[in-house]
Each structure stands twice: as structure tokens, then as C-alpha cells.
Amino acid sequence: MNIPFSKQERDALATLAKPRRMSPEEFVRALALEAISPPTVTLKMVASVARVSPMAASYAFNGVASEVSEKTIRHVRAVAKKMGYRPGLTAQSLRLKRSHS
């Protein structure tokens, strides 16, 4: 599996991969191959790879254009899509104070 990450993204993945002693490519491959219980990609991980603060990443997902530029919003969302980020339903329901059940 060959996912085209930029050098910046590979460096950020390298810092995330250090505790596991994996290269960024091995880390991405491990994420893709873990079919039984895939690890959750967090907003903090997306922010790290995108080289923005977690708050800026949050603003990008929530559409707070007054706090971050359109370029940043597009960049963060593109990185999140590459990494397979999906917002947690539990966290969303806590924030919105409703569970949709």
C-alpha cells in the first residue's frame, strides 16, 4: 500500500511512530492492516501530521472560519481524509448533548 504523504507529514508520523519503533511507512501500513481492532486516529494525531495545533484542527472540522484560514481548513481536512479520521460519536453526542438514539 503506497499512500502519498508529504515530507512534513512523514516527519510528523515518524514522531508518532517512535514509541512503536516503526518507520512512518510501517506505521501507516500497520494502521491499514489491523483489521480486527483498528486503532482510532485522533484529532491530536491529525493536528500533529498537519502541523497545526489541536485547537486549529478542531476549528477546521467545526467550520470556524473566523479562527483559521480556508487554506488551513482544506489542509487539515485533506490530512484527516488520508489518515482515515472519523469523529467519535461518543464525543460528538457529549458535545451536542444528544445521542441520536
PDB file of N, CA and C in Angstrom:
ATOM      1  N   MET A   1       0.849  -1.180   0.000  1.00  0.00           N
ATOM      2  CA  MET A   1       0.000   0.000   0.000  1.00  0.00           C
ATOM      3  C   MET A   1       0.889   1.234   0.000  1.00  0.00           C
ATOM      4  N   ASN A   2       0.687   2.098  -0.954  1.00  0.00           N
ATOM      5  CA  ASN A   2       1.522   3.279  -1.080  1.00  0.00           C
ATOM      6  C   ASN A   2       0.653   4.522  -0.952  1.00  0.00           C
ATOM      7  N   ILE A   3       0.743   5.191   0.199  1.00  0.00           N
ATOM      8  CA  ILE A   3      -0.036   6.401   0.444  1.00  0.00           C
ATOM      9  C   ILE A   3       0.901   7.594   0.279  1.00  0.00           C
ATOM     10  N   PRO A   4       0.560   8.546  -0.601  1.00  0.00           N
ATOM     11  CA  PRO A   4       1.464   9.672  -0.848  1.00  0.00           C
ATOM     12  C   PRO A   4       1.383  10.733   0.251  1.00  0.00           C
ATOM     13  N   PHE A   5       2.313  10.679   1.198  1.00  0.00           N
ATOM     14  CA  PHE A   5       2.393  11.691   2.239  1.00  0.00           C
ATOM     15  C   PHE A   5       3.520  12.649   1.898  1.00  0.00           C
ATOM     16  N   SER A   6       3.362  13.893   2.278  1.00  0.00           N
ATOM     17  CA  SER A   6       4.419  14.877   2.078  1.00  0.00           C
ATOM     18  C   SER A   6       5.535  14.632   3.090  1.00  0.00           C
ATOM     19  N   LYS A   7       6.674  15.276   2.899  1.00  0.00           N
ATOM     20  CA  LYS A   7       7.787  15.107   3.828  1.00  0.00           C
ATOM     21  C   LYS A   7       7.390  15.567   5.227  1.00  0.00           C
ATOM     22  N   GLN A   8       6.657  16.670   5.315  1.00  0.00           N
ATOM     23  CA  GLN A   8       6.193  17.167   6.612  1.00  0.00           C
ATOM     24  C   GLN A   8       5.322  16.135   7.311  1.00  0.00           C
ATOM     25  N   GLU A   9       4.392  15.528   6.561  1.00  0.00           N
ATOM     26  CA  GLU A   9       3.502  14.530   7.140  1.00  0.00           C
ATOM     27  C   GLU A   9       4.276  13.286   7.565  1.00  0.00           C
ATOM     28  N   ARG A  10       5.263  12.868   6.747  1.00  0.00           N
ATOM     29  CA  ARG A  10       6.079  11.704   7.108  1.00  0.00           C
ATOM     30  C   ARG A  10       6.864  11.978   8.386  1.00  0.00           C
ATOM     31  N   ASP A  11       7.395  13.203   8.536  1.00  0.00           N
ATOM     32  CA  ASP A  11       8.133  13.552   9.747  1.00  0.00           C
ATOM     33  C   ASP A  11       7.225  13.524  10.973  1.00  0.00           C
ATOM     34  N   ALA A  12       6.008  14.033  10.822  1.00  0.00           N
ATOM     35  CA  ALA A  12       5.066  14.017  11.942  1.00  0.00           C
ATOM     36  C   ALA A  12       4.674  12.588  12.292  1.00  0.00           C
ATOM     37  N   LEU A  13       4.464  11.769  11.278  1.00  0.00           N
ATOM     38  CA  LEU A  13       4.165  10.357  11.528  1.00  0.00           C
ATOM     39  C   LEU A  13       5.342   9.671  12.215  1.00  0.00           C
ATOM     40  N   ALA A  14       6.545  10.083  11.866  1.00  0.00           N
ATOM     41  CA  ALA A  14       7.730   9.495  12.488  1.00  0.00           C
ATOM     42  C   ALA A  14       7.737   9.770  13.987  1.00  0.00           C
ATOM     43  N   THR A  15       7.333  10.978  14.382  1.00  0.00           N
ATOM     44  CA  THR A  15       7.298  11.280  15.812  1.00  0.00           C
ATOM     45  C   THR A  15       6.215  10.474  16.503  1.00  0.00           C
ATOM     46  N   LEU A  16       5.102  10.223  15.819  1.00  0.00           N
ATOM     47  CA  LEU A  16       4.047   9.394  16.397  1.00  0.00           C
ATOM     48  C   LEU A  16       4.472   7.934  16.465  1.00  0.00           C
ATOM     49  N   ALA A  17       5.315   7.506  15.530  1.00  0.00           N
ATOM     50  CA  ALA A  17       5.710   6.100  15.442  1.00  0.00           C
ATOM     51  C   ALA A  17       6.847   5.749  16.395  1.00  0.00           C
ATOM     52  N   LYS A  18       7.535   6.729  16.954  1.00  0.00           N
ATOM     53  CA  LYS A  18       8.704   6.441  17.781  1.00  0.00           C
ATOM     54  C   LYS A  18       8.432   5.479  18.936  1.00  0.00           C
ATOM     55  N   PRO A  19       7.332   5.617  19.683  1.00  0.00           N
ATOM     56  CA  PRO A  19       7.126   4.654  20.767  1.00  0.00           C
ATOM     57  C   PRO A  19       7.040   3.207  20.270  1.00  0.00           C
ATOM     58  N   ARG A  20       6.585   3.004  19.042  1.00  0.00           N
ATOM     59  CA  ARG A  20       6.487   1.662  18.493  1.00  0.00           C
ATOM     60  C   ARG A  20       7.754   1.247  17.762  1.00  0.00           C
ATOM     61  N   ARG A  21       8.694   2.158  17.599  1.00  0.00           N
ATOM     62  CA  ARG A  21       9.935   1.905  16.868  1.00  0.00           C
ATOM     63  C   ARG A  21       9.670   1.473  15.424  1.00  0.00           C
ATOM     64  N   MET A  22       8.808   2.215  14.737  1.00  0.00           N
ATOM     65  CA  MET A  22       8.466   1.930  13.352  1.00  0.00           C
ATOM     66  C   MET A  22       8.808   3.132  12.490  1.00  0.00           C
ATOM     67  N   SER A  23       9.050   2.866  11.224  1.00  0.00           N
ATOM     68  CA  SER A  23       9.193   3.959  10.278  1.00  0.00           C
ATOM     69  C   SER A  23       7.795   4.492   9.974  1.00  0.00           C
ATOM     70  N   PRO A  24       7.674   5.712   9.443  1.00  0.00           N
ATOM     71  CA  PRO A  24       6.346   6.226   9.116  1.00  0.00           C
ATOM     72  C   PRO A  24       5.577   5.310   8.162  1.00  0.00           C
ATOM     73  N   GLU A  25       6.291   4.741   7.180  1.00  0.00           N
ATOM     74  CA  GLU A  25       5.620   3.843   6.230  1.00  0.00           C
ATOM     75  C   GLU A  25       5.109   2.587   6.932  1.00  0.00           C
ATOM     76  N   GLU A  26       5.918   2.041   7.861  1.00  0.00           N
ATOM     77  CA  GLU A  26       5.481   0.861   8.612  1.00  0.00           C
ATOM     78  C   GLU A  26       4.281   1.200   9.497  1.00  0.00           C
ATOM     79  N   PHE A  27       4.304   2.401  10.062  1.00  0.00           N
ATOM     80  CA  PHE A  27       3.190   2.829  10.912  1.00  0.00           C
ATOM     81  C   PHE A  27       1.898   2.906  10.110  1.00  0.00           C
ATOM     82  N   VAL A  28       1.954   3.525   8.932  1.00  0.00           N
ATOM     83  CA  VAL A  28       0.766   3.634   8.082  1.00  0.00           C
ATOM     84  C   VAL A  28       0.320   2.245   7.629  1.00  0.00           C
ATOM     85  N   ARG A  29       1.279   1.402   7.263  1.00  0.00           N
ATOM     86  CA  ARG A  29       0.949   0.038   6.845  1.00  0.00           C
ATOM     87  C   ARG A  29       0.291  -0.729   7.993  1.00  0.00           C
ATOM     88  N   ALA A  30       0.816  -0.565   9.218  1.00  0.00           N
ATOM     89  CA  ALA A  30       0.234  -1.235  10.380  1.00  0.00           C
ATOM     90  C   ALA A  30      -1.187  -0.744  10.630  1.00  0.00           C
ATOM     91  N   LEU A  31      -1.414   0.561  10.450  1.00  0.00           N
ATOM     92  CA  LEU A  31      -2.767   1.095  10.606  1.00  0.00           C
ATOM     93  C   LEU A  31      -3.720   0.466   9.589  1.00  0.00           C
ATOM     94  N   ALA A  32      -3.235   0.328   8.359  1.00  0.00           N
ATOM     95  CA  ALA A  32      -4.081  -0.205   7.288  1.00  0.00           C
ATOM     96  C   ALA A  32      -4.335  -1.700   7.446  1.00  0.00           C
ATOM     97  N   LEU A  33      -3.384  -2.426   8.017  1.00  0.00           N
ATOM     98  CA  LEU A  33      -3.504  -3.877   8.086  1.00  0.00           C
ATOM     99  C   LEU A  33      -4.197  -4.399   9.348  1.00  0.00           C
ATOM    100  N   GLU A  34      -4.358  -3.555  10.353  1.00  0.00           N
ATOM    101  CA  GLU A  34      -5.005  -4.007  11.582  1.00  0.00           C
ATOM    102  C   GLU A  34      -6.506  -4.077  11.373  1.00  0.00           C
ATOM    103  N   ALA A  35      -6.984  -5.236  10.944  1.00  0.00           N
ATOM    104  CA  ALA A  35      -8.390  -5.389  10.581  1.00  0.00           C
ATOM    105  C   ALA A  35      -9.268  -5.739  11.772  1.00  0.00           C
ATOM    106  N   ILE A  36      -8.729  -6.390  12.774  1.00  0.00           N
ATOM    107  CA  ILE A  36      -9.558  -6.845  13.893  1.00  0.00           C
ATOM    108  C   ILE A  36     -10.020  -5.662  14.732  1.00  0.00           C
ATOM    109  N   SER A  37      -9.104  -4.883  15.189  1.00  0.00           N
ATOM    110  CA  SER A  37      -9.434  -3.718  16.003  1.00  0.00           C
ATOM    111  C   SER A  37      -8.533  -2.564  15.584  1.00  0.00           C
ATOM    112  N   PRO A  38      -8.912  -1.855  14.523  1.00  0.00           N
ATOM    113  CA  PRO A  38      -8.043  -0.786  14.052  1.00  0.00           C
ATOM    114  C   PRO A  38      -7.922   0.320  15.092  1.00  0.00           C
ATOM    115  N   PRO A  39      -6.723   0.863  15.257  1.00  0.00           N
ATOM    116  CA  PRO A  39      -6.559   1.942  16.217  1.00  0.00           C
ATOM    117  C   PRO A  39      -7.313   3.185  15.754  1.00  0.00           C
ATOM    118  N   THR A  40      -7.757   3.949  16.690  1.00  0.00           N
ATOM    119  CA  THR A  40      -8.501   5.155  16.388  1.00  0.00           C
ATOM    120  C   THR A  40      -7.541   6.293  16.064  1.00  0.00           C
ATOM    121  N   VAL A  41      -7.767   6.953  14.957  1.00  0.00           N
ATOM    122  CA  VAL A  41      -6.993   8.137  14.608  1.00  0.00           C
ATOM    123  C   VAL A  41      -7.645   9.305  15.330  1.00  0.00           C
ATOM    124  N   THR A  42      -6.896   9.960  16.176  1.00  0.00           N
ATOM    125  CA  THR A  42      -7.449  11.037  16.991  1.00  0.00           C
ATOM    126  C   THR A  42      -7.227  12.397  16.340  1.00  0.00           C
ATOM    127  N   LEU A  43      -7.955  13.367  16.809  1.00  0.00           N
ATOM    128  CA  LEU A  43      -7.799  14.732  16.326  1.00  0.00           C
ATOM    129  C   LEU A  43      -6.388  15.244  16.605  1.00  0.00           C
ATOM    130  N   LYS A  44      -5.830  14.835  17.735  1.00  0.00           N
ATOM    131  CA  LYS A  44      -4.471  15.244  18.090  1.00  0.00           C
ATOM    132  C   LYS A  44      -3.460  14.678  17.092  1.00  0.00           C
ATOM    133  N   MET A  45      -3.671  13.443  16.632  1.00  0.00           N
ATOM    134  CA  MET A  45      -2.784  12.841  15.634  1.00  0.00           C
ATOM    135  C   MET A  45      -2.892  13.587  14.308  1.00  0.00           C
ATOM    136  N   VAL A  46      -4.117  13.921  13.916  1.00  0.00           N
ATOM    137  CA  VAL A  46      -4.328  14.669  12.671  1.00  0.00           C
ATOM    138  C   VAL A  46      -3.636  16.026  12.769  1.00  0.00           C
ATOM    139  N   ALA A  47      -3.789  16.699  13.897  1.00  0.00           N
ATOM    140  CA  ALA A  47      -3.168  18.013  14.092  1.00  0.00           C
ATOM    141  C   ALA A  47      -1.649  17.907  14.009  1.00  0.00           C
ATOM    142  N   SER A  48      -1.091  16.865  14.588  1.00  0.00           N
ATOM    143  CA  SER A  48       0.357  16.679  14.561  1.00  0.00           C
ATOM    144  C   SER A  48       0.863  16.483  13.139  1.00  0.00           C
ATOM    145  N   VAL A  49       0.199  15.637  12.359  1.00  0.00           N
ATOM    146  CA  VAL A  49       0.616  15.390  10.980  1.00  0.00           C
ATOM    147  C   VAL A  49       0.418  16.636  10.128  1.00  0.00           C
ATOM    148  N   ALA A  50      -0.666  17.376  10.361  1.00  0.00           N
ATOM    149  CA  ALA A  50      -0.947  18.592   9.597  1.00  0.00           C
ATOM    150  C   ALA A  50      -0.099  19.782  10.051  1.00  0.00           C
ATOM    151  N   ARG A  51       0.639  19.609  11.156  1.00  0.00           N
ATOM    152  CA  ARG A  51       1.491  20.665  11.711  1.00  0.00           C
ATOM    153  C   ARG A  51       0.686  21.901  12.118  1.00  0.00           C
ATOM    154  N   VAL A  52      -0.457  21.640  12.779  1.00  0.00           N
ATOM    155  CA  VAL A  52      -1.261  22.720  13.365  1.00  0.00           C
ATOM    156  C   VAL A  52      -1.557  22.328  14.799  1.00  0.00           C
ATOM    157  N   SER A  53      -2.059  23.251  15.579  1.00  0.00           N
ATOM    158  CA  SER A  53      -2.421  22.929  16.958  1.00  0.00           C
ATOM    159  C   SER A  53      -3.714  22.116  16.963  1.00  0.00           C
ATOM    160  N   PRO A  54      -3.939  21.334  18.019  1.00  0.00           N
ATOM    161  CA  PRO A  54      -5.205  20.592  18.110  1.00  0.00           C
ATOM    162  C   PRO A  54      -6.426  21.517  18.063  1.00  0.00           C
ATOM    163  N   MET A  55      -6.300  22.720  18.612  1.00  0.00           N
ATOM    164  CA  MET A  55      -7.419  23.659  18.582  1.00  0.00           C
ATOM    165  C   MET A  55      -7.685  24.125  17.156  1.00  0.00           C
ATOM    166  N   ALA A  56      -6.631  24.387  16.386  1.00  0.00           N
ATOM    167  CA  ALA A  56      -6.808  24.796  14.988  1.00  0.00           C
ATOM    168  C   ALA A  56      -7.455  23.670  14.188  1.00  0.00           C
ATOM    169  N   ALA A  57      -7.064  22.426  14.463  1.00  0.00           N
ATOM    170  CA  ALA A  57      -7.675  21.279  13.783  1.00  0.00           C
ATOM    171  C   ALA A  57      -9.158  21.178  14.150  1.00  0.00           C
ATOM    172  N   SER A  58      -9.466  21.419  15.401  1.00  0.00           N
ATOM    173  CA  SER A  58     -10.864  21.394  15.844  1.00  0.00           C
ATOM    174  C   SER A  58     -11.670  22.482  15.145  1.00  0.00           C
ATOM    175  N   TYR A  59     -11.104  23.679  15.067  1.00  0.00           N
ATOM    176  CA  TYR A  59     -11.775  24.764  14.356  1.00  0.00           C
ATOM    177  C   TYR A  59     -11.996  24.403  12.887  1.00  0.00           C
ATOM    178  N   ALA A  60     -11.013  23.742  12.292  1.00  0.00           N
ATOM    179  CA  ALA A  60     -11.123  23.361  10.883  1.00  0.00           C
ATOM    180  C   ALA A  60     -12.279  22.387  10.671  1.00  0.00           C
ATOM    181  N   PHE A  61     -12.467  21.455  11.583  1.00  0.00           N
ATOM    182  CA  PHE A  61     -13.558  20.487  11.446  1.00  0.00           C
ATOM    183  C   PHE A  61     -14.915  21.086  11.766  1.00  0.00           C
ATOM    184  N   ASN A  62     -14.936  22.043  12.684  1.00  0.00           N
ATOM    185  CA  ASN A  62     -16.205  22.644  13.077  1.00  0.00           C
ATOM    186  C   ASN A  62     -16.578  23.840  12.212  1.00  0.00           C
ATOM    187  N   GLY A  63     -15.732  24.170  11.244  1.00  0.00           N
ATOM    188  CA  GLY A  63     -16.043  25.239  10.300  1.00  0.00           C
ATOM    189  C   GLY A  63     -15.987  26.635  10.888  1.00  0.00           C
ATOM    190  N   VAL A  64     -15.107  26.850  11.855  1.00  0.00           N
ATOM    191  CA  VAL A  64     -14.964  28.175  12.459  1.00  0.00           C
ATOM    192  C   VAL A  64     -13.952  28.951  11.623  1.00  0.00           C
ATOM    193  N   ALA A  65     -14.428  29.490  10.510  1.00  0.00           N
ATOM    194  CA  ALA A  65     -13.546  30.172   9.554  1.00  0.00           C
ATOM    195  C   ALA A  65     -12.958  31.460  10.124  1.00  0.00           C
ATOM    196  N   SER A  66     -13.580  32.010  11.149  1.00  0.00           N
ATOM    197  CA  SER A  66     -13.048  33.244  11.724  1.00  0.00           C
ATOM    198  C   SER A  66     -11.746  32.989  12.490  1.00  0.00           C
ATOM    199  N   GLU A  67     -11.503  31.741  12.886  1.00  0.00           N
ATOM    200  CA  GLU A  67     -10.312  31.415  13.672  1.00  0.00           C
ATOM    201  C   GLU A  67      -9.165  30.852  12.843  1.00  0.00           C
ATOM    202  N   VAL A  68      -9.473  30.191  11.712  1.00  0.00           N
ATOM    203  CA  VAL A  68      -8.435  29.603  10.846  1.00  0.00           C
ATOM    204  C   VAL A  68      -8.745  29.946   9.392  1.00  0.00           C
ATOM    205  N   SER A  69      -7.714  29.952   8.570  1.00  0.00           N
ATOM    206  CA  SER A  69      -7.896  30.306   7.165  1.00  0.00           C
ATOM    207  C   SER A  69      -8.514  29.148   6.383  1.00  0.00           C
ATOM    208  N   GLU A  70      -9.062  29.475   5.225  1.00  0.00           N
ATOM    209  CA  GLU A  70      -9.633  28.448   4.342  1.00  0.00           C
ATOM    210  C   GLU A  70      -8.560  27.456   3.917  1.00  0.00           C
ATOM    211  N   LYS A  71      -7.347  27.947   3.706  1.00  0.00           N
ATOM    212  CA  LYS A  71      -6.236  27.076   3.313  1.00  0.00           C
ATOM    213  C   LYS A  71      -5.967  26.041   4.413  1.00  0.00           C
ATOM    214  N   THR A  72      -5.971  26.482   5.666  1.00  0.00           N
ATOM    215  CA  THR A  72      -5.744  25.575   6.789  1.00  0.00           C
ATOM    216  C   THR A  72      -6.874  24.563   6.900  1.00  0.00           C
ATOM    217  N   ILE A  73      -8.106  25.021   6.710  1.00  0.00           N
ATOM    218  CA  ILE A  73      -9.256  24.114   6.769  1.00  0.00           C
ATOM    219  C   ILE A  73      -9.113  23.022   5.714  1.00  0.00           C
ATOM    220  N   ARG A  74      -8.784  23.414   4.482  1.00  0.00           N
ATOM    221  CA  ARG A  74      -8.623  22.424   3.403  1.00  0.00           C
ATOM    222  C   ARG A  74      -7.478  21.458   3.712  1.00  0.00           C
ATOM    223  N   HIS A  75      -6.359  21.992   4.222  1.00  0.00           N
ATOM    224  CA  HIS A  75      -5.190  21.159   4.517  1.00  0.00           C
ATOM    225  C   HIS A  75      -5.500  20.147   5.617  1.00  0.00           C
ATOM    226  N   VAL A  76      -6.101  20.595   6.709  1.00  0.00           N
ATOM    227  CA  VAL A  76      -6.410  19.699   7.830  1.00  0.00           C
ATOM    228  C   VAL A  76      -7.392  18.615   7.393  1.00  0.00           C
ATOM    229  N   ARG A  77      -8.406  19.002   6.648  1.00  0.00           N
ATOM    230  CA  ARG A  77      -9.389  18.010   6.184  1.00  0.00           C
ATOM    231  C   ARG A  77      -8.767  17.009   5.217  1.00  0.00           C
ATOM    232  N   ALA A  78      -7.827  17.452   4.377  1.00  0.00           N
ATOM    233  CA  ALA A  78      -7.152  16.533   3.446  1.00  0.00           C
ATOM    234  C   ALA A  78      -6.286  15.535   4.207  1.00  0.00           C
ATOM    235  N   VAL A  79      -5.558  16.010   5.205  1.00  0.00           N
ATOM    236  CA  VAL A  79      -4.722  15.119   6.020  1.00  0.00           C
ATOM    237  C   VAL A  79      -5.605  14.123   6.771  1.00  0.00           C
ATOM    238  N   ALA A  80      -6.706  14.609   7.325  1.00  0.00           N
ATOM    239  CA  ALA A  80      -7.617  13.725   8.061  1.00  0.00           C
ATOM    240  C   ALA A  80      -8.182  12.634   7.154  1.00  0.00           C
ATOM    241  N   LYS A  81      -8.504  13.001   5.929  1.00  0.00           N
ATOM    242  CA  LYS A  81      -9.028  12.025   4.982  1.00  0.00           C
ATOM    243  C   LYS A  81      -7.976  10.968   4.660  1.00  0.00           C
ATOM    244  N   LYS A  82      -6.724  11.405   4.458  1.00  0.00           N
ATOM    245  CA  LYS A  82      -5.631  10.469   4.196  1.00  0.00           C
ATOM    246  C   LYS A  82      -5.432   9.498   5.350  1.00  0.00           C
ATOM    247  N   MET A  83      -5.561  10.012   6.569  1.00  0.00           N
ATOM    248  CA  MET A  83      -5.319   9.186   7.752  1.00  0.00           C
ATOM    249  C   MET A  83      -6.525   8.338   8.136  1.00  0.00           C
ATOM    250  N   GLY A  84      -7.671   8.622   7.538  1.00  0.00           N
ATOM    251  CA  GLY A  84      -8.872   7.857   7.874  1.00  0.00           C
ATOM    252  C   GLY A  84      -9.537   8.323   9.159  1.00  0.00           C
ATOM    253  N   TYR A  85      -9.405   9.601   9.462  1.00  0.00           N
ATOM    254  CA  TYR A  85     -10.003  10.148  10.687  1.00  0.00           C
ATOM    255  C   TYR A  85     -11.519  10.199  10.567  1.00  0.00           C
ATOM    256  N   ARG A  86     -12.180   9.767  11.624  1.00  0.00           N
ATOM    257  CA  ARG A  86     -13.630   9.915  11.746  1.00  0.00           C
ATOM    258  C   ARG A  86     -13.926  10.416  13.149  1.00  0.00           C
ATOM    259  N   PRO A  87     -14.753  11.449  13.282  1.00  0.00           N
ATOM    260  CA  PRO A  87     -15.077  11.959  14.618  1.00  0.00           C
ATOM    261  C   PRO A  87     -15.750  10.871  15.455  1.00  0.00           C
ATOM    262  N   GLY A  88     -15.405  10.812  16.723  1.00  0.00           N
ATOM    263  CA  GLY A  88     -16.014   9.837  17.625  1.00  0.00           C
ATOM    264  C   GLY A  88     -17.457  10.205  17.923  1.00  0.00           C
ATOM    265  N   LEU A  89     -18.352   9.246  17.768  1.00  0.00           N
ATOM    266  CA  LEU A  89     -19.769   9.516  18.019  1.00  0.00           C
ATOM    267  C   LEU A  89     -20.040   9.810  19.488  1.00  0.00           C
ATOM    268  N   THR A  90     -19.292   9.168  20.373  1.00  0.00           N
ATOM    269  CA  THR A  90     -19.481   9.413  21.801  1.00  0.00           C
ATOM    270  C   THR A  90     -19.115  10.851  22.139  1.00  0.00           C
ATOM    271  N   ALA A  91     -17.982  11.309  21.644  1.00  0.00           N
ATOM    272  CA  ALA A  91     -17.554  12.685  21.914  1.00  0.00           C
ATOM    273  C   ALA A  91     -18.524  13.685  21.301  1.00  0.00           C
ATOM    274  N   GLN A  92     -18.987  13.383  20.099  1.00  0.00           N
ATOM    275  CA  GLN A  92     -19.948  14.278  19.440  1.00  0.00           C
ATOM    276  C   GLN A  92     -21.238  14.382  20.245  1.00  0.00           C
ATOM    277  N   SER A  93     -21.743  13.251  20.730  1.00  0.00           N
ATOM    278  CA  SER A  93     -23.006  13.283  21.467  1.00  0.00           C
ATOM    279  C   SER A  93     -22.840  14.007  22.797  1.00  0.00           C
ATOM    280  N   LEU A  94     -21.658  13.888  23.414  1.00  0.00           N
ATOM    281  CA  LEU A  94     -21.420  14.635  24.655  1.00  0.00           C
ATOM    282  C   LEU A  94     -21.401  16.132  24.383  1.00  0.00           C
ATOM    283  N   ARG A  95     -20.753  16.525  23.290  1.00  0.00           N
ATOM    284  CA  ARG A  95     -20.636  17.948  22.967  1.00  0.00           C
ATOM    285  C   ARG A  95     -21.991  18.531  22.598  1.00  0.00           C
ATOM    286  N   LEU A  96     -22.781  17.769  21.827  1.00  0.00           N
ATOM    287  CA  LEU A  96     -24.078  18.268  21.368  1.00  0.00           C
ATOM    288  C   LEU A  96     -25.198  18.051  22.389  1.00  0.00           C
ATOM    289  N   LYS A  97     -24.899  17.266  23.430  1.00  0.00           N
ATOM    290  CA  LYS A  97     -25.860  16.933  24.485  1.00  0.00           C
ATOM    291  C   LYS A  97     -27.091  16.204  23.930  1.00  0.00           C
ATOM    292  N   ARG A  98     -26.863  15.357  22.919  1.00  0.00           N
ATOM    293  CA  ARG A  98     -27.911  14.468  22.430  1.00  0.00           C
ATOM    294  C   ARG A  98     -27.247  13.278  21.748  1.00  0.00           C
ATOM    295  N   SER A  99     -27.923  12.133  21.798  1.00  0.00           N
ATOM    296  CA  SER A  99     -27.280  10.898  21.350  1.00  0.00           C
ATOM    297  C   SER A  99     -27.817  10.372  20.025  1.00  0.00           C
ATOM    298  N   HIS A 100     -28.862  10.943  19.495  1.00  0.00           N
ATOM    299  CA  HIS A 100     -29.465  10.481  18.233  1.00  0.00           C
ATOM    300  C   HIS A 100     -29.883   9.013  18.308  1.00  0.00           C
ATOM    301  N   SER A 101     -30.277   8.564  19.485  1.00  0.00           N
ATOM    302  CA  SER A 101     -30.688   7.164  19.590  1.00  0.00           C
ATOM    303  C   SER A 101     -32.189   7.038  19.740  1.00  0.00           C
TER     304      SER A 101
END
